[in-house]
Amino acid sequence: MSTITRWKRGPLAPFDWADLSLFPMLAPSIRIENYLEGDQYVIRAELPGIDPVKDVRITYAGGELRLDVERKELVHQDKIRSEFHYGSFFRTIPLPTGAIEKTIAARYVDGILEITAKVAEPAPVTKEIPVKIENGKKG
């Protein structure tokens, strides 16, 4: 048994506290991991049980990707318990500076949606503006 004390049911605890997430509504409904691999930015989203053609929409705007996903509930006559999340979910993921829009690609394998984008060295964002000197007299 683990060293973590489990709260059991009793007069002060009407249910098993160990099975509860402290803030389930704050947890992201689409869990992701992202990393840079050479010149590729990789985003992996955990999306089991969906049809990627029908249930996933990926859009790009303003340097961000938006994942819109719909997970439909399967009907089971004898369902006793379900901790799965069903419905429509979305997640916005900012791309790093230098991400090249035309290289964004996505693939779905074994319940994982993987999105990649090539990242180039960002163009300098500072530009020196010369000061024009004029005669202060009005003509």
C-alpha atoms as a PDB file:
ATOM      1  CA  MET A   1       0.000   0.000   0.000  1.00  0.00           C
ATOM      2  CA  SER A   2       1.225   3.494  -0.735  1.00  0.00           C
ATOM      3  CA  THR A   3       2.364   5.892   1.933  1.00  0.00           C
ATOM      4  CA  ILE A   4      -0.440   8.298   0.970  1.00  0.00           C
ATOM      5  CA  THR A   5      -3.286   8.175   3.459  1.00  0.00           C
ATOM      6  CA  ARG A   6      -6.609   7.539   1.774  1.00  0.00           C
ATOM      7  CA  TRP A   7      -9.733   9.239   3.035  1.00  0.00           C
ATOM      8  CA  LYS A   8     -12.413   6.615   3.393  1.00  0.00           C
ATOM      9  CA  ARG A   9     -16.138   6.897   3.692  1.00  0.00           C
ATOM     10  CA  GLY A  10     -17.454   7.612   7.110  1.00  0.00           C
ATOM     11  CA  PRO A  11     -19.740   9.955   8.990  1.00  0.00           C
ATOM     12  CA  LEU A  12     -17.688  13.016   7.989  1.00  0.00           C
ATOM     13  CA  ALA A  13     -16.855  11.863   4.459  1.00  0.00           C
ATOM     14  CA  PRO A  14     -19.849  10.523   2.513  1.00  0.00           C
ATOM     15  CA  PHE A  15     -17.631   9.359  -0.388  1.00  0.00           C
ATOM     16  CA  ASP A  16     -14.072   8.243  -1.118  1.00  0.00           C
ATOM     17  CA  TRP A  17     -12.016  11.460  -1.413  1.00  0.00           C
ATOM     18  CA  ALA A  18      -9.076   9.657  -3.061  1.00  0.00           C
ATOM     19  CA  ASP A  19     -11.004   9.264  -6.324  1.00  0.00           C
ATOM     20  CA  LEU A  20     -11.735  12.977  -6.698  1.00  0.00           C
ATOM     21  CA  SER A  21      -9.817  15.464  -8.777  1.00  0.00           C
ATOM     22  CA  LEU A  22      -9.529  18.652  -6.717  1.00  0.00           C
ATOM     23  CA  PHE A  23     -10.525  20.958  -9.552  1.00  0.00           C
ATOM     24  CA  PRO A  24     -11.930  18.923 -12.454  1.00  0.00           C
ATOM     25  CA  MET A  25     -13.448  21.961 -14.148  1.00  0.00           C
ATOM     26  CA  LEU A  26     -10.030  23.659 -14.304  1.00  0.00           C
ATOM     27  CA  ALA A  27      -8.295  20.712 -15.955  1.00  0.00           C
ATOM     28  CA  PRO A  28      -7.794  21.128 -19.699  1.00  0.00           C
ATOM     29  CA  SER A  29     -10.173  18.969 -21.681  1.00  0.00           C
ATOM     30  CA  ILE A  30      -7.526  18.430 -24.371  1.00  0.00           C
ATOM     31  CA  ARG A  31      -4.197  17.491 -22.839  1.00  0.00           C
ATOM     32  CA  ILE A  32      -1.126  18.395 -24.871  1.00  0.00           C
ATOM     33  CA  GLU A  33       2.629  18.265 -24.843  1.00  0.00           C
ATOM     34  CA  ASN A  34       4.833  20.370 -27.069  1.00  0.00           C
ATOM     35  CA  TYR A  35       8.535  20.531 -27.799  1.00  0.00           C
ATOM     36  CA  LEU A  36      11.095  21.724 -30.306  1.00  0.00           C
ATOM     37  CA  GLU A  37      12.910  18.979 -32.230  1.00  0.00           C
ATOM     38  CA  GLY A  38      15.577  20.544 -34.418  1.00  0.00           C
ATOM     39  CA  ASP A  39      13.740  23.022 -36.633  1.00  0.00           C
ATOM     40  CA  GLN A  40      10.347  21.347 -36.053  1.00  0.00           C
ATOM     41  CA  TYR A  41       7.869  22.493 -33.416  1.00  0.00           C
ATOM     42  CA  VAL A  42       5.783  19.493 -32.356  1.00  0.00           C
ATOM     43  CA  ILE A  43       2.435  19.515 -30.575  1.00  0.00           C
ATOM     44  CA  ARG A  44       0.928  16.216 -29.441  1.00  0.00           C
ATOM     45  CA  ALA A  45      -2.685  16.142 -28.264  1.00  0.00           C
ATOM     46  CA  GLU A  46      -4.196  13.182 -26.449  1.00  0.00           C
ATOM     47  CA  LEU A  47      -7.490  12.490 -28.270  1.00  0.00           C
ATOM     48  CA  PRO A  48      -8.503   8.834 -27.981  1.00  0.00           C
ATOM     49  CA  GLY A  49     -11.877   7.623 -29.174  1.00  0.00           C
ATOM     50  CA  ILE A  50     -12.545  10.192 -31.871  1.00  0.00           C
ATOM     51  CA  ASP A  51     -12.835  10.110 -35.650  1.00  0.00           C
ATOM     52  CA  PRO A  52     -10.143  12.610 -36.704  1.00  0.00           C
ATOM     53  CA  VAL A  53     -11.811  13.292 -40.068  1.00  0.00           C
ATOM     54  CA  LYS A  54     -15.262  14.066 -38.637  1.00  0.00           C
ATOM     55  CA  ASP A  55     -14.516  15.215 -35.087  1.00  0.00           C
ATOM     56  CA  VAL A  56     -11.389  17.417 -35.347  1.00  0.00           C
ATOM     57  CA  ARG A  57     -11.001  20.875 -36.841  1.00  0.00           C
ATOM     58  CA  ILE A  58      -7.648  22.691 -36.767  1.00  0.00           C
ATOM     59  CA  THR A  59      -7.443  26.367 -37.673  1.00  0.00           C
ATOM     60  CA  TYR A  60      -4.571  28.854 -37.718  1.00  0.00           C
ATOM     61  CA  ALA A  61      -4.851  32.606 -37.155  1.00  0.00           C
ATOM     62  CA  GLY A  62      -2.706  35.277 -35.583  1.00  0.00           C
ATOM     63  CA  GLY A  63       0.173  32.957 -34.684  1.00  0.00           C
ATOM     64  CA  GLU A  64      -2.096  30.491 -32.853  1.00  0.00           C
ATOM     65  CA  LEU A  65      -3.574  27.102 -33.591  1.00  0.00           C
ATOM     66  CA  ARG A  66      -7.068  26.295 -32.430  1.00  0.00           C
ATOM     67  CA  LEU A  67      -8.143  22.687 -31.959  1.00  0.00           C
ATOM     68  CA  ASP A  68     -11.897  22.105 -31.976  1.00  0.00           C
ATOM     69  CA  VAL A  69     -12.854  18.552 -31.049  1.00  0.00           C
ATOM     70  CA  GLU A  70     -16.151  16.782 -30.565  1.00  0.00           C
ATOM     71  CA  ARG A  71     -16.201  13.496 -28.663  1.00  0.00           C
ATOM     72  CA  LYS A  72     -19.481  11.673 -29.095  1.00  0.00           C
ATOM     73  CA  GLU A  73     -20.711   9.357 -26.365  1.00  0.00           C
ATOM     74  CA  LEU A  74     -21.183   5.731 -27.299  1.00  0.00           C
ATOM     75  CA  VAL A  75     -24.418   4.258 -26.030  1.00  0.00           C
ATOM     76  CA  HIS A  76     -23.961   1.328 -23.654  1.00  0.00           C
ATOM     77  CA  GLN A  77     -26.998  -0.238 -22.042  1.00  0.00           C
ATOM     78  CA  ASP A  78     -25.207  -1.427 -18.901  1.00  0.00           C
ATOM     79  CA  LYS A  79     -22.923   1.554 -18.219  1.00  0.00           C
ATOM     80  CA  ILE A  80     -22.146   1.663 -14.513  1.00  0.00           C
ATOM     81  CA  ARG A  81     -19.515   4.394 -14.406  1.00  0.00           C
ATOM     82  CA  SER A  82     -17.865   6.735 -16.867  1.00  0.00           C
ATOM     83  CA  GLU A  83     -15.049   9.209 -16.249  1.00  0.00           C
ATOM     84  CA  PHE A  84     -14.728  10.066 -19.927  1.00  0.00           C
ATOM     85  CA  HIS A  85     -15.458  13.606 -21.091  1.00  0.00           C
ATOM     86  CA  TYR A  86     -17.928  13.972 -23.957  1.00  0.00           C
ATOM     87  CA  GLY A  87     -19.040  16.988 -25.917  1.00  0.00           C
ATOM     88  CA  SER A  88     -17.277  19.835 -27.714  1.00  0.00           C
ATOM     89  CA  PHE A  89     -13.858  20.981 -26.551  1.00  0.00           C
ATOM     90  CA  PHE A  90     -11.338  23.482 -27.832  1.00  0.00           C
ATOM     91  CA  ARG A  91      -7.788  24.467 -27.054  1.00  0.00           C
ATOM     92  CA  THR A  92      -5.756  27.409 -28.358  1.00  0.00           C
ATOM     93  CA  ILE A  93      -2.017  26.876 -28.692  1.00  0.00           C
ATOM     94  CA  PRO A  94       0.354  29.738 -29.523  1.00  0.00           C
ATOM     95  CA  LEU A  95       3.053  28.857 -32.043  1.00  0.00           C
ATOM     96  CA  PRO A  96       6.613  30.040 -31.444  1.00  0.00           C
ATOM     97  CA  THR A  97       7.956  33.104 -33.219  1.00  0.00           C
ATOM     98  CA  GLY A  98       9.325  32.053 -36.591  1.00  0.00           C
ATOM     99  CA  ALA A  99       6.799  29.245 -37.183  1.00  0.00           C
ATOM    100  CA  ILE A 100       6.158  28.944 -40.915  1.00  0.00           C
ATOM    101  CA  GLU A 101       2.408  28.761 -41.587  1.00  0.00           C
ATOM    102  CA  LYS A 102       2.643  26.842 -44.876  1.00  0.00           C
ATOM    103  CA  THR A 103       4.554  24.002 -43.164  1.00  0.00           C
ATOM    104  CA  ILE A 104       1.871  23.229 -40.560  1.00  0.00           C
ATOM    105  CA  ALA A 105       0.806  19.583 -40.883  1.00  0.00           C
ATOM    106  CA  ALA A 106      -1.260  17.194 -38.763  1.00  0.00           C
ATOM    107  CA  ARG A 107      -1.561  13.431 -38.442  1.00  0.00           C
ATOM    108  CA  TYR A 108      -3.497  11.129 -36.110  1.00  0.00           C
ATOM    109  CA  VAL A 109      -2.020   7.833 -34.906  1.00  0.00           C
ATOM    110  CA  ASP A 110      -3.203   5.594 -32.052  1.00  0.00           C
ATOM    111  CA  GLY A 111      -5.275   8.266 -30.299  1.00  0.00           C
ATOM    112  CA  ILE A 112      -2.613  10.990 -30.556  1.00  0.00           C
ATOM    113  CA  LEU A 113      -3.017  14.017 -32.826  1.00  0.00           C
ATOM    114  CA  GLU A 114       0.419  15.313 -33.807  1.00  0.00           C
ATOM    115  CA  ILE A 115       0.811  18.749 -35.359  1.00  0.00           C
ATOM    116  CA  THR A 116       4.159  19.951 -36.666  1.00  0.00           C
ATOM    117  CA  ALA A 117       5.421  23.249 -38.024  1.00  0.00           C
ATOM    118  CA  LYS A 118       8.846  24.207 -39.274  1.00  0.00           C
ATOM    119  CA  VAL A 119      10.422  27.039 -37.291  1.00  0.00           C
ATOM    120  CA  ALA A 120      12.912  29.419 -38.890  1.00  0.00           C
ATOM    121  CA  GLU A 121      15.055  32.038 -37.268  1.00  0.00           C
ATOM    122  CA  PRO A 122      12.686  34.903 -36.568  1.00  0.00           C
ATOM    123  CA  ALA A 123      13.177  38.011 -38.654  1.00  0.00           C
ATOM    124  CA  PRO A 124      14.378  40.969 -36.641  1.00  0.00           C
ATOM    125  CA  VAL A 125      11.397  42.820 -35.209  1.00  0.00           C
ATOM    126  CA  THR A 126      13.221  46.041 -34.548  1.00  0.00           C
ATOM    127  CA  LYS A 127      13.789  48.529 -37.308  1.00  0.00           C
ATOM    128  CA  GLU A 128      15.557  51.815 -36.904  1.00  0.00           C
ATOM    129  CA  ILE A 129      13.536  54.777 -38.140  1.00  0.00           C
ATOM    130  CA  PRO A 130      15.656  57.709 -39.359  1.00  0.00           C
ATOM    131  CA  VAL A 131      14.742  61.173 -38.161  1.00  0.00           C
ATOM    132  CA  LYS A 132      14.038  63.636 -40.972  1.00  0.00           C
ATOM    133  CA  ILE A 133      15.332  67.135 -40.293  1.00  0.00           C
ATOM    134  CA  GLU A 134      13.191  69.960 -41.574  1.00  0.00           C
ATOM    135  CA  ASN A 135      13.252  73.710 -41.349  1.00  0.00           C
ATOM    136  CA  GLY A 136      10.968  74.828 -38.522  1.00  0.00           C
ATOM    137  CA  LYS A 137       9.790  77.944 -40.412  1.00  0.00           C
ATOM    138  CA  LYS A 138       6.382  77.873 -41.979  1.00  0.00           C
ATOM    139  CA  GLY A 139       6.301  79.273 -45.419  1.00  0.00           C
END
